[in-house]
Amino acid sequence: MGWTSADEGGRLRHVAGAVRLEPVDERNLEPLLSVAAAEAEPGDVMPPVEAPAGWSLARREAFREFHRASFGGLDGPTGSQMYAILVGGEVMGMVRMTRCDEPRTVETGMWLGRSARGQGIGAAALRELLNAAALAGMRAVVAETTPDNIGAVAVLQKCGAKLREDGGKVRAEICLDSTPPAL
């Protein structure tokens, strides 16, 4: 199974396999760590930690603990639900939603391994997250990135976010009460 997506030039390309989300748990934590270590920088996928540069053993353990802390989901101690992004059954990255102080609002963040970028996977994963947020009773999803993160800005735009620049940051809001954008 697969789907077709248009790139910036309007050319169509086939993305192998359906994009789906799976809650991060012990079954997919090691595959997620493998993708992170092989295809991402530590600072792109987890908070900073005191550890040697690169994917040291200490940093790998911190990655595991960071994700395990959110196993309780939106109602757990971190108020976060993390999902492994799967394409054709393979882990490609992670997307999360975290409760905000504003009722029925969650903040999202995402990362993809380098080999998964630019294929429409990010937008498909965010759409799946929007569905999960709506099912959890949320009314809005917000995000923050930088203007130079062109991929994140494009994904947010494709998913119908209202964007505004503020102090060197791009702030996005997607209202779940409105009609979702066309696929």
N, C-alpha and C. Protein backbone atom coordinates (compact mmCIF):
# COMPACT_ATOMS: atom_id res chain seq x y z
N MET A 1 0.84 -1.17 0.00
CA MET A 1 0.00 0.00 0.00
C MET A 1 0.89 1.23 0.00
N GLY A 2 0.46 2.28 -0.61
CA GLY A 2 1.21 3.52 -0.63
C GLY A 2 0.29 4.67 -0.99
N TRP A 3 0.87 5.85 -1.06
CA TRP A 3 0.10 7.01 -1.45
C TRP A 3 1.00 7.90 -2.28
N THR A 4 0.37 8.82 -2.98
CA THR A 4 1.11 9.71 -3.88
C THR A 4 1.09 11.11 -3.31
N SER A 5 2.21 11.79 -3.45
CA SER A 5 2.35 13.14 -2.91
C SER A 5 3.03 14.00 -3.95
N ALA A 6 2.68 15.28 -3.99
CA ALA A 6 3.33 16.21 -4.92
C ALA A 6 4.46 16.92 -4.19
N ASP A 7 5.62 17.04 -4.86
CA ASP A 7 6.72 17.80 -4.28
C ASP A 7 6.57 19.27 -4.63
N GLU A 8 7.56 20.08 -4.23
CA GLU A 8 7.48 21.52 -4.44
C GLU A 8 7.31 21.89 -5.92
N GLY A 9 7.87 21.09 -6.81
CA GLY A 9 7.77 21.36 -8.24
C GLY A 9 6.49 20.81 -8.86
N GLY A 10 5.62 20.23 -8.04
CA GLY A 10 4.37 19.69 -8.55
C GLY A 10 4.50 18.27 -9.09
N ARG A 11 5.72 17.71 -9.05
CA ARG A 11 5.92 16.34 -9.53
C ARG A 11 5.34 15.36 -8.51
N LEU A 12 4.72 14.32 -9.00
CA LEU A 12 4.15 13.32 -8.11
C LEU A 12 5.19 12.26 -7.81
N ARG A 13 5.17 11.78 -6.59
CA ARG A 13 6.05 10.67 -6.23
C ARG A 13 5.26 9.74 -5.32
N HIS A 14 5.64 8.50 -5.33
CA HIS A 14 4.96 7.48 -4.54
C HIS A 14 5.72 7.28 -3.23
N VAL A 15 5.00 7.30 -2.13
CA VAL A 15 5.59 7.01 -0.83
C VAL A 15 5.17 5.59 -0.47
N ALA A 16 6.17 4.72 -0.32
CA ALA A 16 5.87 3.31 -0.06
C ALA A 16 5.28 3.13 1.33
N GLY A 17 4.15 2.45 1.39
CA GLY A 17 3.54 2.12 2.66
C GLY A 17 2.74 3.26 3.25
N ALA A 18 1.78 2.91 4.04
CA ALA A 18 0.95 3.90 4.72
C ALA A 18 1.70 4.45 5.92
N VAL A 19 1.50 5.73 6.19
CA VAL A 19 2.09 6.35 7.38
C VAL A 19 1.11 6.13 8.52
N ARG A 20 1.62 5.58 9.61
CA ARG A 20 0.77 5.41 10.79
C ARG A 20 1.57 5.72 12.04
N LEU A 21 0.84 6.00 13.10
CA LEU A 21 1.45 6.32 14.39
C LEU A 21 1.20 5.18 15.36
N GLU A 22 2.20 4.92 16.18
CA GLU A 22 2.12 3.88 17.20
C GLU A 22 2.67 4.47 18.49
N PRO A 23 1.93 4.42 19.60
CA PRO A 23 2.48 4.98 20.84
C PRO A 23 3.87 4.42 21.13
N VAL A 24 4.78 5.29 21.54
CA VAL A 24 6.13 4.83 21.88
C VAL A 24 6.03 3.99 23.15
N ASP A 25 6.60 2.79 23.08
CA ASP A 25 6.63 1.88 24.22
C ASP A 25 7.89 1.03 24.11
N GLU A 26 8.02 0.04 24.97
CA GLU A 26 9.24 -0.78 24.96
C GLU A 26 9.43 -1.54 23.64
N ARG A 27 8.35 -1.85 22.93
CA ARG A 27 8.47 -2.58 21.66
C ARG A 27 9.17 -1.78 20.59
N ASN A 28 8.89 -0.47 20.53
CA ASN A 28 9.46 0.33 19.43
C ASN A 28 10.50 1.34 19.90
N LEU A 29 10.84 1.34 21.18
CA LEU A 29 11.82 2.30 21.69
C LEU A 29 13.21 2.06 21.10
N GLU A 30 13.66 0.83 21.03
CA GLU A 30 15.00 0.55 20.47
C GLU A 30 15.06 0.85 18.97
N PRO A 31 14.04 0.46 18.17
CA PRO A 31 14.07 0.89 16.76
C PRO A 31 14.07 2.41 16.61
N LEU A 32 13.35 3.12 17.48
CA LEU A 32 13.34 4.58 17.44
C LEU A 32 14.73 5.13 17.76
N LEU A 33 15.38 4.58 18.77
CA LEU A 33 16.74 5.00 19.11
C LEU A 33 17.70 4.71 17.97
N SER A 34 17.55 3.57 17.31
CA SER A 34 18.42 3.23 16.18
C SER A 34 18.32 4.25 15.06
N VAL A 35 17.09 4.67 14.74
CA VAL A 35 16.89 5.68 13.69
C VAL A 35 17.49 7.01 14.14
N ALA A 36 17.25 7.38 15.39
CA ALA A 36 17.78 8.64 15.90
C ALA A 36 19.30 8.65 15.81
N ALA A 37 19.95 7.59 16.28
CA ALA A 37 21.41 7.54 16.31
C ALA A 37 22.01 7.51 14.91
N ALA A 38 21.33 6.86 13.98
CA ALA A 38 21.86 6.74 12.61
C ALA A 38 21.54 7.95 11.75
N GLU A 39 20.42 8.64 12.03
CA GLU A 39 19.93 9.63 11.07
C GLU A 39 19.53 10.98 11.65
N ALA A 40 19.95 11.28 12.87
CA ALA A 40 19.60 12.58 13.47
C ALA A 40 20.67 12.97 14.49
N GLU A 41 20.70 14.24 14.80
CA GLU A 41 21.59 14.75 15.84
C GLU A 41 20.85 14.68 17.18
N PRO A 42 21.56 14.39 18.26
CA PRO A 42 20.90 14.30 19.56
C PRO A 42 20.07 15.54 19.91
N GLY A 43 20.57 16.72 19.63
CA GLY A 43 19.84 17.94 19.94
C GLY A 43 18.55 18.12 19.16
N ASP A 44 18.39 17.36 18.08
CA ASP A 44 17.17 17.44 17.28
C ASP A 44 16.06 16.52 17.79
N VAL A 45 16.42 15.57 18.67
CA VAL A 45 15.45 14.53 19.04
C VAL A 45 15.19 14.42 20.54
N MET A 46 15.94 15.18 21.35
CA MET A 46 15.77 15.09 22.81
C MET A 46 16.35 16.32 23.47
N PRO A 47 15.96 16.58 24.72
CA PRO A 47 16.54 17.73 25.43
C PRO A 47 18.03 17.53 25.66
N PRO A 48 18.76 18.62 25.86
CA PRO A 48 20.20 18.51 26.12
C PRO A 48 20.47 17.73 27.41
N VAL A 49 21.56 16.98 27.42
CA VAL A 49 21.99 16.24 28.61
C VAL A 49 23.49 16.40 28.77
N GLU A 50 23.95 16.24 30.00
CA GLU A 50 25.39 16.24 30.28
C GLU A 50 25.93 14.88 29.86
N ALA A 51 26.56 14.83 28.71
CA ALA A 51 27.12 13.58 28.20
C ALA A 51 28.12 13.92 27.11
N PRO A 52 29.03 13.00 26.82
CA PRO A 52 29.96 13.25 25.71
C PRO A 52 29.20 13.53 24.41
N ALA A 53 29.85 14.25 23.52
CA ALA A 53 29.23 14.60 22.23
C ALA A 53 28.82 13.35 21.46
N GLY A 54 27.86 13.52 20.58
CA GLY A 54 27.40 12.42 19.73
C GLY A 54 26.51 11.46 20.50
N TRP A 55 26.34 10.28 19.94
CA TRP A 55 25.44 9.28 20.51
C TRP A 55 26.20 8.34 21.44
N SER A 56 26.72 8.89 22.53
CA SER A 56 27.44 8.12 23.55
C SER A 56 26.45 7.18 24.26
N LEU A 57 27.00 6.23 25.03
CA LEU A 57 26.14 5.33 25.80
C LEU A 57 25.27 6.11 26.78
N ALA A 58 25.83 7.14 27.40
CA ALA A 58 25.06 7.95 28.35
C ALA A 58 23.92 8.68 27.64
N ARG A 59 24.18 9.19 26.44
CA ARG A 59 23.14 9.90 25.70
C ARG A 59 22.05 8.92 25.24
N ARG A 60 22.44 7.72 24.84
CA ARG A 60 21.46 6.71 24.44
C ARG A 60 20.54 6.36 25.61
N GLU A 61 21.13 6.22 26.80
CA GLU A 61 20.31 5.90 27.97
C GLU A 61 19.39 7.08 28.32
N ALA A 62 19.89 8.30 28.17
CA ALA A 62 19.06 9.48 28.41
C ALA A 62 17.89 9.54 27.42
N PHE A 63 18.13 9.14 26.17
CA PHE A 63 17.08 9.08 25.15
C PHE A 63 15.98 8.11 25.61
N ARG A 64 16.42 6.92 26.07
CA ARG A 64 15.44 5.92 26.53
C ARG A 64 14.62 6.47 27.70
N GLU A 65 15.29 7.06 28.68
CA GLU A 65 14.59 7.57 29.86
C GLU A 65 13.65 8.73 29.51
N PHE A 66 14.08 9.60 28.60
CA PHE A 66 13.24 10.70 28.15
C PHE A 66 11.93 10.17 27.57
N HIS A 67 12.01 9.14 26.74
CA HIS A 67 10.80 8.59 26.13
C HIS A 67 9.98 7.75 27.11
N ARG A 68 10.65 6.99 27.97
CA ARG A 68 9.92 6.20 28.97
C ARG A 68 9.11 7.10 29.91
N ALA A 69 9.60 8.29 30.19
CA ALA A 69 8.90 9.21 31.09
C ALA A 69 7.52 9.57 30.55
N SER A 70 7.31 9.43 29.25
CA SER A 70 6.02 9.79 28.64
C SER A 70 5.14 8.59 28.34
N PHE A 71 5.52 7.40 28.81
CA PHE A 71 4.69 6.22 28.57
C PHE A 71 3.29 6.37 29.16
N GLY A 72 3.09 7.26 30.13
CA GLY A 72 1.78 7.47 30.75
C GLY A 72 0.82 8.26 29.89
N GLY A 73 1.29 8.82 28.77
CA GLY A 73 0.43 9.55 27.85
C GLY A 73 0.01 10.91 28.37
N LEU A 74 -1.04 11.45 27.77
CA LEU A 74 -1.51 12.80 28.10
C LEU A 74 -1.91 12.94 29.57
N ASP A 75 -2.36 11.87 30.18
CA ASP A 75 -2.78 11.93 31.58
C ASP A 75 -1.68 11.51 32.54
N GLY A 76 -0.50 11.18 32.01
CA GLY A 76 0.63 10.78 32.84
C GLY A 76 1.38 11.98 33.39
N PRO A 77 2.48 11.73 34.08
CA PRO A 77 3.22 12.80 34.76
C PRO A 77 3.79 13.87 33.83
N THR A 78 4.14 13.52 32.60
CA THR A 78 4.69 14.52 31.67
C THR A 78 3.62 15.20 30.84
N GLY A 79 2.40 14.64 30.83
CA GLY A 79 1.33 15.20 30.00
C GLY A 79 1.61 15.09 28.52
N SER A 80 2.48 14.14 28.15
CA SER A 80 2.87 13.97 26.74
C SER A 80 2.52 12.59 26.23
N GLN A 81 2.09 12.53 24.99
CA GLN A 81 1.91 11.27 24.28
C GLN A 81 2.87 11.30 23.10
N MET A 82 3.80 10.35 23.08
CA MET A 82 4.76 10.26 21.99
C MET A 82 4.36 9.09 21.09
N TYR A 83 4.53 9.30 19.78
CA TYR A 83 4.21 8.27 18.80
C TYR A 83 5.41 8.02 17.91
N ALA A 84 5.70 6.75 17.66
CA ALA A 84 6.66 6.40 16.62
C ALA A 84 5.94 6.58 15.29
N ILE A 85 6.63 7.17 14.32
CA ILE A 85 6.09 7.33 12.97
C ILE A 85 6.56 6.13 12.17
N LEU A 86 5.61 5.35 11.65
CA LEU A 86 5.95 4.17 10.88
C LEU A 86 5.50 4.33 9.43
N VAL A 87 6.34 3.88 8.53
CA VAL A 87 6.01 3.83 7.10
C VAL A 87 6.32 2.41 6.64
N GLY A 88 5.32 1.73 6.14
CA GLY A 88 5.52 0.36 5.72
C GLY A 88 6.05 -0.52 6.84
N GLY A 89 5.67 -0.21 8.08
CA GLY A 89 6.09 -1.00 9.23
C GLY A 89 7.43 -0.62 9.81
N GLU A 90 8.16 0.30 9.17
CA GLU A 90 9.48 0.73 9.64
C GLU A 90 9.40 2.04 10.40
N VAL A 91 10.08 2.13 11.53
CA VAL A 91 10.12 3.37 12.30
C VAL A 91 10.96 4.40 11.55
N MET A 92 10.41 5.60 11.38
CA MET A 92 11.08 6.68 10.65
C MET A 92 11.35 7.92 11.50
N GLY A 93 10.70 8.01 12.66
CA GLY A 93 10.84 9.19 13.50
C GLY A 93 9.80 9.19 14.60
N MET A 94 9.57 10.36 15.19
CA MET A 94 8.65 10.49 16.32
C MET A 94 7.89 11.80 16.22
N VAL A 95 6.63 11.76 16.63
CA VAL A 95 5.80 12.96 16.77
C VAL A 95 5.13 12.86 18.14
N ARG A 96 4.96 14.00 18.78
CA ARG A 96 4.37 13.99 20.12
C ARG A 96 3.36 15.11 20.26
N MET A 97 2.51 14.94 21.27
CA MET A 97 1.66 16.04 21.70
C MET A 97 1.76 16.13 23.22
N THR A 98 1.84 17.37 23.70
CA THR A 98 2.00 17.64 25.13
C THR A 98 0.94 18.65 25.55
N ARG A 99 0.27 18.35 26.65
CA ARG A 99 -0.75 19.27 27.16
C ARG A 99 -0.15 20.65 27.44
N CYS A 100 -0.92 21.68 27.10
CA CYS A 100 -0.55 23.07 27.39
C CYS A 100 -1.39 23.56 28.57
N ASP A 101 -1.02 24.71 29.11
CA ASP A 101 -1.81 25.31 30.20
C ASP A 101 -3.22 25.66 29.72
N GLU A 102 -3.33 26.07 28.46
CA GLU A 102 -4.64 26.40 27.90
C GLU A 102 -5.45 25.12 27.74
N PRO A 103 -6.68 25.07 28.28
CA PRO A 103 -7.49 23.86 28.20
C PRO A 103 -7.70 23.39 26.76
N ARG A 104 -7.70 22.07 26.60
CA ARG A 104 -7.98 21.40 25.32
C ARG A 104 -7.01 21.82 24.22
N THR A 105 -5.78 22.16 24.61
CA THR A 105 -4.75 22.54 23.65
C THR A 105 -3.50 21.71 23.93
N VAL A 106 -2.90 21.20 22.86
CA VAL A 106 -1.63 20.47 22.98
C VAL A 106 -0.60 21.11 22.06
N GLU A 107 0.64 20.97 22.45
CA GLU A 107 1.77 21.44 21.63
C GLU A 107 2.37 20.21 20.97
N THR A 108 2.78 20.34 19.71
CA THR A 108 3.37 19.21 19.01
C THR A 108 4.81 19.49 18.61
N GLY A 109 5.54 18.43 18.46
CA GLY A 109 6.90 18.46 17.95
C GLY A 109 7.15 17.16 17.21
N MET A 110 8.09 17.19 16.28
CA MET A 110 8.33 16.01 15.45
C MET A 110 9.77 15.99 14.99
N TRP A 111 10.28 14.79 14.76
CA TRP A 111 11.55 14.65 14.05
C TRP A 111 11.46 13.42 13.16
N LEU A 112 12.16 13.49 12.05
CA LEU A 112 12.26 12.37 11.11
C LEU A 112 13.73 12.10 10.85
N GLY A 113 14.07 10.83 10.63
CA GLY A 113 15.41 10.50 10.18
C GLY A 113 15.67 11.16 8.83
N ARG A 114 16.92 11.46 8.55
CA ARG A 114 17.27 12.16 7.30
C ARG A 114 16.71 11.48 6.05
N SER A 115 16.74 10.15 6.01
CA SER A 115 16.29 9.44 4.81
C SER A 115 14.78 9.54 4.60
N ALA A 116 14.04 9.95 5.62
CA ALA A 116 12.57 10.04 5.52
C ALA A 116 12.10 11.45 5.20
N ARG A 117 13.01 12.40 5.17
CA ARG A 117 12.62 13.80 4.98
C ARG A 117 12.32 14.09 3.50
N GLY A 118 11.42 15.05 3.28
CA GLY A 118 11.12 15.50 1.93
C GLY A 118 10.25 14.57 1.12
N GLN A 119 9.56 13.65 1.77
CA GLN A 119 8.74 12.67 1.07
C GLN A 119 7.26 12.76 1.42
N GLY A 120 6.87 13.78 2.17
CA GLY A 120 5.48 13.91 2.56
C GLY A 120 5.12 13.16 3.83
N ILE A 121 6.10 12.49 4.43
CA ILE A 121 5.85 11.70 5.64
C ILE A 121 5.50 12.60 6.82
N GLY A 122 6.18 13.73 6.94
CA GLY A 122 5.92 14.65 8.05
C GLY A 122 4.50 15.16 8.05
N ALA A 123 4.01 15.57 6.88
CA ALA A 123 2.63 16.07 6.80
C ALA A 123 1.63 14.96 7.10
N ALA A 124 1.89 13.76 6.59
CA ALA A 124 0.98 12.64 6.86
C ALA A 124 0.98 12.30 8.35
N ALA A 125 2.15 12.33 8.98
CA ALA A 125 2.24 12.04 10.41
C ALA A 125 1.52 13.11 11.23
N LEU A 126 1.69 14.37 10.84
CA LEU A 126 1.00 15.44 11.58
C LEU A 126 -0.51 15.31 11.43
N ARG A 127 -0.99 14.94 10.25
CA ARG A 127 -2.44 14.74 10.07
C ARG A 127 -2.95 13.63 10.99
N GLU A 128 -2.16 12.56 11.11
CA GLU A 128 -2.55 11.47 12.02
C GLU A 128 -2.57 11.97 13.46
N LEU A 129 -1.59 12.79 13.83
CA LEU A 129 -1.56 13.35 15.18
C LEU A 129 -2.77 14.26 15.42
N LEU A 130 -3.14 15.05 14.42
CA LEU A 130 -4.32 15.91 14.55
C LEU A 130 -5.56 15.08 14.81
N ASN A 131 -5.68 13.94 14.13
CA ASN A 131 -6.81 13.04 14.37
C ASN A 131 -6.79 12.51 15.80
N ALA A 132 -5.60 12.11 16.28
CA ALA A 132 -5.47 11.60 17.65
C ALA A 132 -5.80 12.69 18.66
N ALA A 133 -5.36 13.91 18.40
CA ALA A 133 -5.66 15.03 19.31
C ALA A 133 -7.16 15.29 19.37
N ALA A 134 -7.81 15.27 18.22
CA ALA A 134 -9.26 15.48 18.19
C ALA A 134 -9.98 14.37 18.97
N LEU A 135 -9.55 13.13 18.78
CA LEU A 135 -10.15 12.01 19.51
C LEU A 135 -9.94 12.14 21.02
N ALA A 136 -8.85 12.79 21.42
CA ALA A 136 -8.56 13.01 22.84
C ALA A 136 -9.30 14.23 23.39
N GLY A 137 -10.12 14.87 22.55
CA GLY A 137 -10.93 15.99 23.01
C GLY A 137 -10.26 17.35 22.90
N MET A 138 -9.15 17.42 22.19
CA MET A 138 -8.46 18.69 22.04
C MET A 138 -9.17 19.57 21.02
N ARG A 139 -9.03 20.88 21.16
CA ARG A 139 -9.62 21.81 20.19
C ARG A 139 -8.56 22.51 19.37
N ALA A 140 -7.28 22.49 19.83
CA ALA A 140 -6.21 23.16 19.09
C ALA A 140 -4.88 22.45 19.31
N VAL A 141 -4.05 22.53 18.28
CA VAL A 141 -2.67 22.02 18.34
C VAL A 141 -1.77 23.19 17.97
N VAL A 142 -0.78 23.44 18.81
CA VAL A 142 0.16 24.53 18.56
C VAL A 142 1.56 23.96 18.38
N ALA A 143 2.42 24.75 17.74
CA ALA A 143 3.81 24.35 17.54
C ALA A 143 4.67 25.60 17.48
N GLU A 144 5.95 25.42 17.71
CA GLU A 144 6.91 26.51 17.59
C GLU A 144 8.15 25.96 16.91
N THR A 145 8.67 26.72 15.95
CA THR A 145 9.89 26.35 15.25
C THR A 145 10.64 27.63 14.90
N THR A 146 11.65 27.50 14.08
CA THR A 146 12.41 28.66 13.63
C THR A 146 12.16 28.88 12.15
N PRO A 147 12.30 30.12 11.67
CA PRO A 147 12.05 30.40 10.25
C PRO A 147 12.95 29.58 9.31
N ASP A 148 14.15 29.22 9.77
CA ASP A 148 15.05 28.47 8.90
C ASP A 148 14.73 26.97 8.85
N ASN A 149 13.79 26.50 9.66
CA ASN A 149 13.37 25.10 9.60
C ASN A 149 12.28 24.99 8.53
N ILE A 150 12.72 25.04 7.29
CA ILE A 150 11.82 25.09 6.13
C ILE A 150 10.90 23.88 6.08
N GLY A 151 11.43 22.70 6.41
CA GLY A 151 10.61 21.50 6.39
C GLY A 151 9.45 21.57 7.37
N ALA A 152 9.73 22.00 8.60
CA ALA A 152 8.68 22.10 9.61
C ALA A 152 7.64 23.14 9.22
N VAL A 153 8.09 24.28 8.72
CA VAL A 153 7.15 25.33 8.30
C VAL A 153 6.25 24.81 7.18
N ALA A 154 6.83 24.09 6.22
CA ALA A 154 6.04 23.55 5.10
C ALA A 154 5.01 22.54 5.60
N VAL A 155 5.41 21.66 6.51
CA VAL A 155 4.47 20.66 7.05
C VAL A 155 3.32 21.36 7.77
N LEU A 156 3.63 22.35 8.57
CA LEU A 156 2.58 23.08 9.29
C LEU A 156 1.63 23.77 8.32
N GLN A 157 2.17 24.39 7.27
CA GLN A 157 1.31 25.04 6.27
C GLN A 157 0.42 24.03 5.57
N LYS A 158 0.99 22.89 5.18
CA LYS A 158 0.21 21.86 4.48
C LYS A 158 -0.94 21.34 5.33
N CYS A 159 -0.77 21.41 6.64
CA CYS A 159 -1.80 20.90 7.55
C CYS A 159 -2.74 21.99 8.05
N GLY A 160 -2.68 23.16 7.42
CA GLY A 160 -3.64 24.21 7.70
C GLY A 160 -3.33 25.11 8.88
N ALA A 161 -2.09 25.13 9.33
CA ALA A 161 -1.73 25.97 10.48
C ALA A 161 -1.76 27.45 10.12
N LYS A 162 -2.18 28.25 11.08
CA LYS A 162 -2.03 29.70 10.99
C LYS A 162 -0.67 30.01 11.58
N LEU A 163 0.20 30.64 10.79
CA LEU A 163 1.57 30.91 11.21
C LEU A 163 1.78 32.38 11.49
N ARG A 164 2.62 32.67 12.48
CA ARG A 164 3.04 34.06 12.71
C ARG A 164 4.46 34.03 13.24
N GLU A 165 5.26 34.99 12.75
CA GLU A 165 6.63 35.13 13.24
C GLU A 165 6.63 36.06 14.43
N ASP A 166 7.41 35.68 15.43
CA ASP A 166 7.47 36.46 16.67
C ASP A 166 8.83 36.25 17.32
N GLY A 167 9.65 37.29 17.32
CA GLY A 167 10.93 37.22 18.00
C GLY A 167 11.86 36.13 17.52
N GLY A 168 11.94 35.93 16.21
CA GLY A 168 12.82 34.90 15.67
C GLY A 168 12.25 33.49 15.73
N LYS A 169 11.00 33.36 16.10
CA LYS A 169 10.32 32.07 16.14
C LYS A 169 9.12 32.11 15.22
N VAL A 170 8.74 30.94 14.72
CA VAL A 170 7.49 30.79 13.99
C VAL A 170 6.54 30.04 14.91
N ARG A 171 5.43 30.66 15.20
CA ARG A 171 4.41 30.05 16.06
C ARG A 171 3.24 29.63 15.17
N ALA A 172 2.76 28.42 15.40
CA ALA A 172 1.70 27.86 14.57
C ALA A 172 0.53 27.43 15.44
N GLU A 173 -0.67 27.55 14.89
CA GLU A 173 -1.86 27.04 15.57
C GLU A 173 -2.76 26.40 14.54
N ILE A 174 -3.23 25.20 14.88
CA ILE A 174 -4.18 24.47 14.04
C ILE A 174 -5.43 24.27 14.88
N CYS A 175 -6.53 24.85 14.42
CA CYS A 175 -7.81 24.73 15.11
C CYS A 175 -8.48 23.44 14.67
N LEU A 176 -8.76 22.56 15.61
CA LEU A 176 -9.36 21.27 15.28
C LEU A 176 -10.87 21.37 15.09
N ASP A 177 -11.44 22.53 15.40
CA ASP A 177 -12.88 22.72 15.20
C ASP A 177 -13.20 23.06 13.75
N SER A 178 -12.17 23.41 12.97
CA SER A 178 -12.40 23.79 11.57
C SER A 178 -12.25 22.58 10.66
N THR A 179 -12.58 22.77 9.42
CA THR A 179 -12.48 21.70 8.43
C THR A 179 -11.02 21.38 8.18
N PRO A 180 -10.63 20.10 8.24
CA PRO A 180 -9.23 19.76 8.00
C PRO A 180 -8.83 20.04 6.56
N PRO A 181 -7.55 20.31 6.33
CA PRO A 181 -7.09 20.58 4.97
C PRO A 181 -7.21 19.34 4.09
N ALA A 182 -7.33 19.56 2.80
CA ALA A 182 -7.42 18.45 1.85
C ALA A 182 -6.12 17.68 1.85
N LEU A 183 -6.23 16.38 1.65
CA LEU A 183 -5.03 15.55 1.56
C LEU A 183 -4.48 15.74 0.19
